[in-house]
Amino acid sequence: MTAGFDLVLDARTALGECPLWSVAEQVLYFVDIKQSRIHRFDPADGLLRTLELPEEVGCIGLAKGGGFVAGLRSGLWLIASTGELLRKLADNPEDQSISRFNDGMVDPAGRFVAGTVDETRERGIASLYRYDGRGLEKLAGGLLTSNGVAFSPDGKRLYHSDTLRFSLYIYDYDVATGTADNRQLFAKFGSEIDKGRPDGGAVDAEGCYWTALFEGGRVQRYAPDGTLMAEYPVPAKCPTMVTFGGPDLKTLYCTSASIGRPAEELSEYPLSGALFALRTDVPGLPKPLFNPDL
């Protein structure tokens, strides 16, 4: 294991997730799911601005013309840069008492691909969806925790994990139609000793997939053929998601969680819930903007 992540901001999130770099603003956005917040962090001056939302927010994407597309418990929404809920795009079609939107990402064409989480942790009612002007379409079902959505540089490969099943998958993705087919297992995680499981992920310019291992205390980098290339320790037991940022897109940011963790773990990892970063040799790729008119 090589040199790891360093503290950037002691954000004290309950469940930090979905870090997202704005190339236009040169700032990092990330959410705190359980505290219903979108954070805006400016690395240039260290200032943190917080938007309060009326319900849990699992994921966000930057929208064309400003603001966000976001996955909330109730469904997918367009949200203003001020945090105001502008328009509901689609209802969460599942039982919202035990389901909310979780991880999501804008695809290369400007659609939003986002999944849900089965809060019973056993029924397999969660799904992965695609949203565009045709409405909400299910891409995969029978999931426990939909996570890890990312696309290869050419857009032809969709990465997606089911966290509680310790599994990371790849699909053939058609950018023209937004369809995902031919699911294959990309990597399997977890053991009696190491409970680390795949959470949020990102792809770099070489097409390698980076995944945060929840309860694994590290981030791993995989080659496109599934070979584990490297891993980097995180000063939190539960890193949640990574994204590339900075002017050169060579700063890998990582969010983390503190909610529900045992006291002895929080004592050993007092920075749980913080934001971390690692400098990389290979840059990431700018994130596409959501197109509400697609």
C-alpha atoms as a PDB file:
ATOM      1  CA  MET A   1       0.000   0.000   0.000  1.00  0.00           C
ATOM      2  CA  THR A   2       1.447   3.366  -1.070  1.00  0.00           C
ATOM      3  CA  ALA A   3       1.223   6.853   0.455  1.00  0.00           C
ATOM      4  CA  GLY A   4      -2.354   7.789   1.113  1.00  0.00           C
ATOM      5  CA  PHE A   5      -4.933  10.521   1.397  1.00  0.00           C
ATOM      6  CA  ASP A   6      -4.472  13.681   3.462  1.00  0.00           C
ATOM      7  CA  LEU A   7      -7.037  15.787   5.276  1.00  0.00           C
ATOM      8  CA  VAL A   8      -8.445  18.675   3.249  1.00  0.00           C
ATOM      9  CA  LEU A   9     -11.452  19.710   5.337  1.00  0.00           C
ATOM     10  CA  ASP A  10     -12.824  18.428   8.635  1.00  0.00           C
ATOM     11  CA  ALA A  11     -16.344  18.651   7.233  1.00  0.00           C
ATOM     12  CA  ARG A  12     -17.887  16.544  10.026  1.00  0.00           C
ATOM     13  CA  THR A  13     -20.421  14.979   7.693  1.00  0.00           C
ATOM     14  CA  ALA A  14     -22.677  12.208   8.895  1.00  0.00           C
ATOM     15  CA  LEU A  15     -22.679  10.536   5.489  1.00  0.00           C
ATOM     16  CA  GLY A  16     -20.511  12.486   3.061  1.00  0.00           C
ATOM     17  CA  GLU A  17     -21.041  11.406  -0.537  1.00  0.00           C
ATOM     18  CA  CYS A  18     -21.011  12.339  -4.211  1.00  0.00           C
ATOM     19  CA  PRO A  19     -18.029  14.720  -4.487  1.00  0.00           C
ATOM     20  CA  LEU A  20     -18.278  16.588  -7.795  1.00  0.00           C
ATOM     21  CA  TRP A  21     -15.768  19.047  -9.260  1.00  0.00           C
ATOM     22  CA  SER A  22     -17.026  22.089 -11.145  1.00  0.00           C
ATOM     23  CA  VAL A  23     -14.514  22.987 -13.861  1.00  0.00           C
ATOM     24  CA  ALA A  24     -16.305  26.313 -14.467  1.00  0.00           C
ATOM     25  CA  GLU A  25     -16.223  27.402 -10.817  1.00  0.00           C
ATOM     26  CA  GLN A  26     -13.081  25.528  -9.715  1.00  0.00           C
ATOM     27  CA  VAL A  27     -14.876  24.338  -6.585  1.00  0.00           C
ATOM     28  CA  LEU A  28     -15.899  20.989  -5.141  1.00  0.00           C
ATOM     29  CA  TYR A  29     -19.489  20.107  -4.380  1.00  0.00           C
ATOM     30  CA  PHE A  30     -20.405  17.160  -2.140  1.00  0.00           C
ATOM     31  CA  VAL A  31     -23.443  16.066  -0.170  1.00  0.00           C
ATOM     32  CA  ASP A  32     -24.226  14.965   3.357  1.00  0.00           C
ATOM     33  CA  ILE A  33     -27.057  12.522   2.795  1.00  0.00           C
ATOM     34  CA  LYS A  34     -28.311  12.215   6.356  1.00  0.00           C
ATOM     35  CA  GLN A  35     -28.123  15.943   7.083  1.00  0.00           C
ATOM     36  CA  SER A  36     -29.876  16.844   3.787  1.00  0.00           C
ATOM     37  CA  ARG A  37     -27.122  19.195   2.661  1.00  0.00           C
ATOM     38  CA  ILE A  38     -25.168  20.131  -0.438  1.00  0.00           C
ATOM     39  CA  HIS A  39     -21.745  21.563   0.418  1.00  0.00           C
ATOM     40  CA  ARG A  40     -19.678  23.864  -1.797  1.00  0.00           C
ATOM     41  CA  PHE A  41     -15.964  23.899  -0.960  1.00  0.00           C
ATOM     42  CA  ASP A  42     -13.515  26.344  -2.497  1.00  0.00           C
ATOM     43  CA  PRO A  43      -9.942  25.004  -2.177  1.00  0.00           C
ATOM     44  CA  ALA A  44      -8.509  28.416  -3.063  1.00  0.00           C
ATOM     45  CA  ASP A  45      -9.693  30.076   0.141  1.00  0.00           C
ATOM     46  CA  GLY A  46     -10.906  27.110   2.198  1.00  0.00           C
ATOM     47  CA  LEU A  47     -14.446  28.468   2.462  1.00  0.00           C
ATOM     48  CA  LEU A  48     -17.363  26.072   2.847  1.00  0.00           C
ATOM     49  CA  ARG A  49     -20.885  27.083   1.866  1.00  0.00           C
ATOM     50  CA  THR A  50     -23.854  24.878   2.720  1.00  0.00           C
ATOM     51  CA  LEU A  51     -27.252  24.508   1.062  1.00  0.00           C
ATOM     52  CA  GLU A  52     -30.008  23.050   3.241  1.00  0.00           C
ATOM     53  CA  LEU A  53     -32.541  20.805   1.504  1.00  0.00           C
ATOM     54  CA  PRO A  54     -35.954  19.599   2.748  1.00  0.00           C
ATOM     55  CA  GLU A  55     -35.096  15.902   2.415  1.00  0.00           C
ATOM     56  CA  GLU A  56     -32.148  13.537   2.121  1.00  0.00           C
ATOM     57  CA  VAL A  57     -30.014  14.038  -0.976  1.00  0.00           C
ATOM     58  CA  GLY A  58     -28.141  10.987  -2.243  1.00  0.00           C
ATOM     59  CA  CYS A  59     -26.456  12.329  -5.361  1.00  0.00           C
ATOM     60  CA  ILE A  60     -26.063  15.394  -7.534  1.00  0.00           C
ATOM     61  CA  GLY A  61     -24.932  16.317 -11.022  1.00  0.00           C
ATOM     62  CA  LEU A  62     -24.125  19.740 -12.411  1.00  0.00           C
ATOM     63  CA  ALA A  63     -26.870  20.974 -14.741  1.00  0.00           C
ATOM     64  CA  LYS A  64     -26.584  22.851 -18.006  1.00  0.00           C
ATOM     65  CA  GLY A  65     -27.315  26.511 -17.321  1.00  0.00           C
ATOM     66  CA  GLY A  66     -26.516  26.200 -13.596  1.00  0.00           C
ATOM     67  CA  GLY A  67     -27.815  24.416 -10.548  1.00  0.00           C
ATOM     68  CA  PHE A  68     -28.088  20.673 -10.109  1.00  0.00           C
ATOM     69  CA  VAL A  69     -29.935  17.519 -10.958  1.00  0.00           C
ATOM     70  CA  ALA A  70     -30.320  15.617  -7.698  1.00  0.00           C
ATOM     71  CA  GLY A  71     -31.567  12.301  -6.393  1.00  0.00           C
ATOM     72  CA  LEU A  72     -33.618  12.783  -3.219  1.00  0.00           C
ATOM     73  CA  ARG A  73     -35.759  10.342  -1.281  1.00  0.00           C
ATOM     74  CA  SER A  74     -38.879  11.402  -3.178  1.00  0.00           C
ATOM     75  CA  GLY A  75     -37.332  11.327  -6.648  1.00  0.00           C
ATOM     76  CA  LEU A  76     -35.171  13.220  -9.109  1.00  0.00           C
ATOM     77  CA  TRP A  77     -35.248  17.018  -8.987  1.00  0.00           C
ATOM     78  CA  LEU A  78     -33.833  20.091 -10.662  1.00  0.00           C
ATOM     79  CA  ILE A  79     -32.346  22.284  -7.930  1.00  0.00           C
ATOM     80  CA  ALA A  80     -31.205  25.908  -8.196  1.00  0.00           C
ATOM     81  CA  SER A  81     -27.665  26.889  -7.244  1.00  0.00           C
ATOM     82  CA  THR A  82     -29.247  28.457  -4.140  1.00  0.00           C
ATOM     83  CA  GLY A  83     -30.700  25.123  -3.050  1.00  0.00           C
ATOM     84  CA  GLU A  84     -34.299  25.835  -4.077  1.00  0.00           C
ATOM     85  CA  LEU A  85     -36.189  22.850  -5.464  1.00  0.00           C
ATOM     86  CA  LEU A  86     -37.273  23.990  -8.923  1.00  0.00           C
ATOM     87  CA  ARG A  87     -38.982  21.022 -10.551  1.00  0.00           C
ATOM     88  CA  LYS A  88     -39.502  17.336  -9.896  1.00  0.00           C
ATOM     89  CA  LEU A  89     -38.328  15.323 -12.879  1.00  0.00           C
ATOM     90  CA  ALA A  90     -39.437  11.869 -11.757  1.00  0.00           C
ATOM     91  CA  ASP A  91     -40.878  10.166  -8.692  1.00  0.00           C
ATOM     92  CA  ASN A  92     -38.940   7.506  -6.835  1.00  0.00           C
ATOM     93  CA  PRO A  93     -41.109   4.581  -8.002  1.00  0.00           C
ATOM     94  CA  GLU A  94     -40.215   2.412  -5.003  1.00  0.00           C
ATOM     95  CA  ASP A  95     -41.593   2.364  -1.450  1.00  0.00           C
ATOM     96  CA  GLN A  96     -40.184   5.665  -0.214  1.00  0.00           C
ATOM     97  CA  SER A  97     -40.485   4.632   3.422  1.00  0.00           C
ATOM     98  CA  ILE A  98     -37.607   2.182   2.822  1.00  0.00           C
ATOM     99  CA  SER A  99     -36.055   3.532  -0.390  1.00  0.00           C
ATOM    100  CA  ARG A 100     -34.239   6.699  -1.435  1.00  0.00           C
ATOM    101  CA  PHE A 101     -32.004   7.683  -4.299  1.00  0.00           C
ATOM    102  CA  ASN A 102     -28.338   7.039  -3.605  1.00  0.00           C
ATOM    103  CA  ASP A 103     -25.374   7.232  -6.005  1.00  0.00           C
ATOM    104  CA  GLY A 104     -25.710   8.810  -9.463  1.00  0.00           C
ATOM    105  CA  MET A 105     -23.784  10.341 -12.364  1.00  0.00           C
ATOM    106  CA  VAL A 106     -24.501  12.300 -15.542  1.00  0.00           C
ATOM    107  CA  ASP A 107     -23.726  10.182 -18.594  1.00  0.00           C
ATOM    108  CA  PRO A 108     -21.687  11.470 -21.590  1.00  0.00           C
ATOM    109  CA  ALA A 109     -24.861  12.494 -23.443  1.00  0.00           C
ATOM    110  CA  GLY A 110     -26.288  14.518 -20.544  1.00  0.00           C
ATOM    111  CA  ARG A 111     -28.715  11.983 -19.063  1.00  0.00           C
ATOM    112  CA  PHE A 112     -28.768  11.207 -15.345  1.00  0.00           C
ATOM    113  CA  VAL A 113     -28.045   7.615 -14.287  1.00  0.00           C
ATOM    114  CA  ALA A 114     -28.866   7.056 -10.615  1.00  0.00           C
ATOM    115  CA  GLY A 115     -29.806   4.205  -8.318  1.00  0.00           C
ATOM    116  CA  THR A 116     -31.601   3.624  -5.058  1.00  0.00           C
ATOM    117  CA  VAL A 117     -30.845   1.922  -1.763  1.00  0.00           C
ATOM    118  CA  ASP A 118     -32.910  -0.786  -0.063  1.00  0.00           C
ATOM    119  CA  GLU A 119     -32.938   0.394   3.542  1.00  0.00           C
ATOM    120  CA  THR A 120     -34.154  -2.994   4.774  1.00  0.00           C
ATOM    121  CA  ARG A 121     -30.739  -4.272   3.580  1.00  0.00           C
ATOM    122  CA  GLU A 122     -32.273  -7.620   2.639  1.00  0.00           C
ATOM    123  CA  ARG A 123     -35.254  -7.406   0.252  1.00  0.00           C
ATOM    124  CA  GLY A 124     -33.383  -6.444  -2.924  1.00  0.00           C
ATOM    125  CA  ILE A 125     -35.876  -3.767  -3.947  1.00  0.00           C
ATOM    126  CA  ALA A 126     -33.310  -1.204  -5.119  1.00  0.00           C
ATOM    127  CA  SER A 127     -32.676  -0.455  -8.791  1.00  0.00           C
ATOM    128  CA  LEU A 128     -30.498   1.524 -11.185  1.00  0.00           C
ATOM    129  CA  TYR A 129     -32.328   3.995 -13.432  1.00  0.00           C
ATOM    130  CA  ARG A 130     -31.693   6.273 -16.375  1.00  0.00           C
ATOM    131  CA  TYR A 131     -33.508   9.586 -16.708  1.00  0.00           C
ATOM    132  CA  ASP A 132     -33.926  11.710 -19.842  1.00  0.00           C
ATOM    133  CA  GLY A 133     -36.778  13.307 -21.768  1.00  0.00           C
ATOM    134  CA  ARG A 134     -38.405   9.896 -22.171  1.00  0.00           C
ATOM    135  CA  GLY A 135     -38.776   9.617 -18.404  1.00  0.00           C
ATOM    136  CA  LEU A 136     -37.357   7.185 -15.860  1.00  0.00           C
ATOM    137  CA  GLU A 137     -36.194   3.815 -17.190  1.00  0.00           C
ATOM    138  CA  LYS A 138     -34.901   0.888 -15.113  1.00  0.00           C
ATOM    139  CA  LEU A 139     -31.467  -0.375 -16.164  1.00  0.00           C
ATOM    140  CA  ALA A 140     -30.970  -2.986 -13.420  1.00  0.00           C
ATOM    141  CA  GLY A 141     -33.058  -4.318 -10.526  1.00  0.00           C
ATOM    142  CA  GLY A 142     -32.908  -6.640  -7.539  1.00  0.00           C
ATOM    143  CA  LEU A 143     -30.225  -4.549  -5.815  1.00  0.00           C
ATOM    144  CA  LEU A 144     -29.483  -3.848  -2.167  1.00  0.00           C
ATOM    145  CA  THR A 145     -27.404  -0.662  -2.514  1.00  0.00           C
ATOM    146  CA  SER A 146     -26.896   0.872  -5.944  1.00  0.00           C
ATOM    147  CA  ASN A 147     -23.507   2.606  -6.053  1.00  0.00           C
ATOM    148  CA  GLY A 148     -20.310   3.264  -7.959  1.00  0.00           C
ATOM    149  CA  VAL A 149     -21.766   4.700 -11.189  1.00  0.00           C
ATOM    150  CA  ALA A 150     -19.028   5.847 -13.592  1.00  0.00           C
ATOM    151  CA  PHE A 151     -18.329   5.768 -17.315  1.00  0.00           C
ATOM    152  CA  SER A 152     -15.238   4.865 -19.335  1.00  0.00           C
ATOM    153  CA  PRO A 153     -13.584   7.713 -21.282  1.00  0.00           C
ATOM    154  CA  ASP A 154     -15.261   6.613 -24.526  1.00  0.00           C
ATOM    155  CA  GLY A 155     -18.620   6.184 -22.786  1.00  0.00           C
ATOM    156  CA  LYS A 156     -18.955   2.574 -23.927  1.00  0.00           C
ATOM    157  CA  ARG A 157     -18.567   1.049 -20.469  1.00  0.00           C
ATOM    158  CA  LEU A 158     -20.753   1.650 -17.411  1.00  0.00           C
ATOM    159  CA  TYR A 159     -19.392   0.744 -13.986  1.00  0.00           C
ATOM    160  CA  HIS A 160     -21.876   0.017 -11.209  1.00  0.00           C
ATOM    161  CA  SER A 161     -21.639  -1.661  -7.809  1.00  0.00           C
ATOM    162  CA  ASP A 162     -24.056  -3.332  -5.417  1.00  0.00           C
ATOM    163  CA  THR A 163     -22.289  -2.417  -2.200  1.00  0.00           C
ATOM    164  CA  LEU A 164     -23.916  -4.840   0.220  1.00  0.00           C
ATOM    165  CA  ARG A 165     -23.242  -7.697  -2.193  1.00  0.00           C
ATOM    166  CA  PHE A 166     -19.555  -6.732  -2.317  1.00  0.00           C
ATOM    167  CA  SER A 167     -19.721  -6.682  -6.125  1.00  0.00           C
ATOM    168  CA  LEU A 168     -18.596  -4.276  -8.845  1.00  0.00           C
ATOM    169  CA  TYR A 169     -20.016  -4.790 -12.343  1.00  0.00           C
ATOM    170  CA  ILE A 170     -19.450  -3.508 -15.868  1.00  0.00           C
ATOM    171  CA  TYR A 171     -22.051  -3.078 -18.603  1.00  0.00           C
ATOM    172  CA  ASP A 172     -21.840  -2.348 -22.291  1.00  0.00           C
ATOM    173  CA  TYR A 173     -23.298   1.159 -22.536  1.00  0.00           C
ATOM    174  CA  ASP A 174     -24.802   2.754 -25.629  1.00  0.00           C
ATOM    175  CA  VAL A 175     -24.415   6.525 -25.312  1.00  0.00           C
ATOM    176  CA  ALA A 176     -26.772   7.125 -28.238  1.00  0.00           C
ATOM    177  CA  THR A 177     -29.687   5.321 -26.583  1.00  0.00           C
ATOM    178  CA  GLY A 178     -28.747   5.200 -22.890  1.00  0.00           C
ATOM    179  CA  THR A 179     -29.106   1.426 -22.713  1.00  0.00           C
ATOM    180  CA  ALA A 180     -26.942  -0.893 -20.588  1.00  0.00           C
ATOM    181  CA  ASP A 181     -26.478  -4.553 -21.487  1.00  0.00           C
ATOM    182  CA  ASN A 182     -24.220  -7.570 -20.972  1.00  0.00           C
ATOM    183  CA  ARG A 183     -23.555  -7.173 -17.249  1.00  0.00           C
ATOM    184  CA  GLN A 184     -20.361  -8.851 -16.073  1.00  0.00           C
ATOM    185  CA  LEU A 185     -18.658  -9.078 -12.695  1.00  0.00           C
ATOM    186  CA  PHE A 186     -15.639  -6.764 -12.692  1.00  0.00           C
ATOM    187  CA  ALA A 187     -14.361  -7.264  -9.122  1.00  0.00           C
ATOM    188  CA  LYS A 188     -15.450  -9.032  -5.927  1.00  0.00           C
ATOM    189  CA  PHE A 189     -14.682  -7.713  -2.436  1.00  0.00           C
ATOM    190  CA  GLY A 190     -14.923  -8.630   1.217  1.00  0.00           C
ATOM    191  CA  SER A 191     -13.629 -11.354   3.501  1.00  0.00           C
ATOM    192  CA  GLU A 192     -13.895 -12.371   7.132  1.00  0.00           C
ATOM    193  CA  ILE A 193     -10.866 -10.204   7.859  1.00  0.00           C
ATOM    194  CA  ASP A 194     -11.493  -7.266   5.553  1.00  0.00           C
ATOM    195  CA  LYS A 195     -15.108  -6.128   5.297  1.00  0.00           C
ATOM    196  CA  GLY A 196     -14.286  -3.406   2.741  1.00  0.00           C
ATOM    197  CA  ARG A 197     -16.958  -3.130   0.064  1.00  0.00           C
ATOM    198  CA  PRO A 198     -17.247  -0.959  -3.073  1.00  0.00           C
ATOM    199  CA  ASP A 199     -18.912   2.413  -2.602  1.00  0.00           C
ATOM    200  CA  GLY A 200     -18.598   5.401  -4.951  1.00  0.00           C
ATOM    201  CA  GLY A 201     -16.137   5.428  -7.832  1.00  0.00           C
ATOM    202  CA  ALA A 202     -14.494   7.464 -10.582  1.00  0.00           C
ATOM    203  CA  VAL A 203     -12.634   6.797 -13.835  1.00  0.00           C
ATOM    204  CA  ASP A 204      -9.361   8.481 -14.830  1.00  0.00           C
ATOM    205  CA  ALA A 205      -8.115   9.532 -18.273  1.00  0.00           C
ATOM    206  CA  GLU A 206      -6.427   6.136 -18.763  1.00  0.00           C
ATOM    207  CA  GLY A 207      -9.738   4.366 -18.222  1.00  0.00           C
ATOM    208  CA  CYS A 208      -8.831   3.004 -14.792  1.00  0.00           C
ATOM    209  CA  TYR A 209     -11.568   2.729 -12.169  1.00  0.00           C
ATOM    210  CA  TRP A 210     -11.047   4.043  -8.630  1.00  0.00           C
ATOM    211  CA  THR A 211     -13.325   2.814  -5.848  1.00  0.00           C
ATOM    212  CA  ALA A 212     -13.712   3.830  -2.205  1.00  0.00           C
ATOM    213  CA  LEU A 213     -13.970   0.799   0.078  1.00  0.00           C
ATOM    214  CA  PHE A 214     -16.538   1.398   2.809  1.00  0.00           C
ATOM    215  CA  GLU A 215     -15.334  -0.221   6.047  1.00  0.00           C
ATOM    216  CA  GLY A 216     -12.086  -0.906   4.181  1.00  0.00           C
ATOM    217  CA  GLY A 217     -10.253   2.339   5.005  1.00  0.00           C
ATOM    218  CA  ARG A 218      -8.741   2.703   1.538  1.00  0.00           C
ATOM    219  CA  VAL A 219      -9.243   3.518  -2.136  1.00  0.00           C
ATOM    220  CA  GLN A 220      -8.272   1.091  -4.903  1.00  0.00           C
ATOM    221  CA  ARG A 221      -7.379   1.655  -8.567  1.00  0.00           C
ATOM    222  CA  TYR A 222      -8.251  -1.011 -11.148  1.00  0.00           C
ATOM    223  CA  ALA A 223      -7.066  -1.364 -14.751  1.00  0.00           C
ATOM    224  CA  PRO A 224      -9.782  -1.689 -17.419  1.00  0.00           C
ATOM    225  CA  ASP A 225      -9.184  -5.448 -17.482  1.00  0.00           C
ATOM    226  CA  GLY A 226      -9.955  -5.753 -13.745  1.00  0.00           C
ATOM    227  CA  THR A 227      -6.368  -5.965 -12.489  1.00  0.00           C
ATOM    228  CA  LEU A 228      -5.829  -4.285  -9.111  1.00  0.00           C
ATOM    229  CA  MET A 229      -3.071  -1.715  -9.725  1.00  0.00           C
ATOM    230  CA  ALA A 230      -2.743   0.169  -6.439  1.00  0.00           C
ATOM    231  CA  GLU A 231      -4.428   1.044  -3.165  1.00  0.00           C
ATOM    232  CA  TYR A 232      -4.182   4.101  -0.953  1.00  0.00           C
ATOM    233  CA  PRO A 233      -5.084   4.366   2.751  1.00  0.00           C
ATOM    234  CA  VAL A 234      -7.675   6.878   3.930  1.00  0.00           C
ATOM    235  CA  PRO A 235      -7.682   8.292   7.518  1.00  0.00           C
ATOM    236  CA  ALA A 236     -11.270   7.048   7.958  1.00  0.00           C
ATOM    237  CA  LYS A 237     -12.601   3.515   8.171  1.00  0.00           C
ATOM    238  CA  CYS A 238     -15.489   4.374   5.864  1.00  0.00           C
ATOM    239  CA  PRO A 239     -14.479   6.320   2.753  1.00  0.00           C
ATOM    240  CA  THR A 240     -17.535   6.718   0.548  1.00  0.00           C
ATOM    241  CA  MET A 241     -16.729   8.157  -2.907  1.00  0.00           C
ATOM    242  CA  VAL A 242     -13.952   9.716  -4.971  1.00  0.00           C
ATOM    243  CA  THR A 243     -13.790  12.294  -7.760  1.00  0.00           C
ATOM    244  CA  PHE A 244     -11.042  14.090  -9.649  1.00  0.00           C
ATOM    245  CA  GLY A 245     -10.670  17.845  -9.251  1.00  0.00           C
ATOM    246  CA  GLY A 246      -8.268  20.756  -9.150  1.00  0.00           C
ATOM    247  CA  PRO A 247      -7.103  22.890 -12.096  1.00  0.00           C
ATOM    248  CA  ASP A 248      -5.299  19.890 -13.642  1.00  0.00           C
ATOM    249  CA  LEU A 249      -7.868  17.277 -12.493  1.00  0.00           C
ATOM    250  CA  LYS A 250      -5.079  15.433 -10.673  1.00  0.00           C
ATOM    251  CA  THR A 251      -6.446  15.897  -7.153  1.00  0.00           C
ATOM    252  CA  LEU A 252      -8.521  12.896  -6.127  1.00  0.00           C
ATOM    253  CA  TYR A 253     -11.026  13.979  -3.483  1.00  0.00           C
ATOM    254  CA  CYS A 254     -12.624  11.447  -1.143  1.00  0.00           C
ATOM    255  CA  THR A 255     -15.638  11.828   1.153  1.00  0.00           C
ATOM    256  CA  SER A 256     -16.274   9.712   4.248  1.00  0.00           C
ATOM    257  CA  ALA A 257     -18.898   8.751   6.820  1.00  0.00           C
ATOM    258  CA  SER A 258     -19.237   8.925  10.587  1.00  0.00           C
ATOM    259  CA  ILE A 259     -22.897   8.066  11.195  1.00  0.00           C
ATOM    260  CA  GLY A 260     -23.626   4.764  12.906  1.00  0.00           C
ATOM    261  CA  ARG A 261     -19.976   3.938  13.470  1.00  0.00           C
ATOM    262  CA  PRO A 262     -18.933   2.355  16.799  1.00  0.00           C
ATOM    263  CA  ALA A 263     -17.310   4.555  19.435  1.00  0.00           C
ATOM    264  CA  GLU A 264     -14.037   2.639  19.328  1.00  0.00           C
ATOM    265  CA  GLU A 265     -13.801   3.174  15.559  1.00  0.00           C
ATOM    266  CA  LEU A 266     -14.433   6.906  15.883  1.00  0.00           C
ATOM    267  CA  SER A 267     -11.771   7.042  18.563  1.00  0.00           C
ATOM    268  CA  GLU A 268      -9.288   5.343  16.237  1.00  0.00           C
ATOM    269  CA  TYR A 269     -10.427   7.412  13.231  1.00  0.00           C
ATOM    270  CA  PRO A 270     -11.358  10.847  14.631  1.00  0.00           C
ATOM    271  CA  LEU A 271     -11.470  12.325  11.113  1.00  0.00           C
ATOM    272  CA  SER A 272     -14.387  10.122  10.058  1.00  0.00           C
ATOM    273  CA  GLY A 273     -16.782  12.324   8.089  1.00  0.00           C
ATOM    274  CA  ALA A 274     -13.981  14.538   6.766  1.00  0.00           C
ATOM    275  CA  LEU A 275     -12.939  15.336   3.193  1.00  0.00           C
ATOM    276  CA  PHE A 276      -9.577  13.997   2.015  1.00  0.00           C
ATOM    277  CA  ALA A 277      -7.410  14.320  -1.099  1.00  0.00           C
ATOM    278  CA  LEU A 278      -4.617  12.527  -2.929  1.00  0.00           C
ATOM    279  CA  ARG A 279      -2.427  13.876  -5.754  1.00  0.00           C
ATOM    280  CA  THR A 280      -2.332  11.503  -8.721  1.00  0.00           C
ATOM    281  CA  ASP A 281      -0.076  11.182 -11.760  1.00  0.00           C
ATOM    282  CA  VAL A 282      -3.000  10.591 -14.111  1.00  0.00           C
ATOM    283  CA  PRO A 283      -5.807  13.162 -14.379  1.00  0.00           C
ATOM    284  CA  GLY A 284      -9.496  12.534 -14.303  1.00  0.00           C
ATOM    285  CA  LEU A 285     -12.030  13.753 -16.843  1.00  0.00           C
ATOM    286  CA  PRO A 286     -14.431  16.713 -16.653  1.00  0.00           C
ATOM    287  CA  LYS A 287     -17.930  15.630 -15.685  1.00  0.00           C
ATOM    288  CA  PRO A 288     -20.664  16.111 -18.321  1.00  0.00           C
ATOM    289  CA  LEU A 289     -23.528  18.516 -17.563  1.00  0.00           C
ATOM    290  CA  PHE A 290     -27.081  17.300 -17.169  1.00  0.00           C
ATOM    291  CA  ASN A 291     -29.296  18.423 -20.045  1.00  0.00           C
ATOM    292  CA  PRO A 292     -32.901  18.829 -18.842  1.00  0.00           C
ATOM    293  CA  ASP A 293     -34.031  19.314 -22.449  1.00  0.00           C
ATOM    294  CA  LEU A 294     -32.565  16.055 -23.757  1.00  0.00           C
END
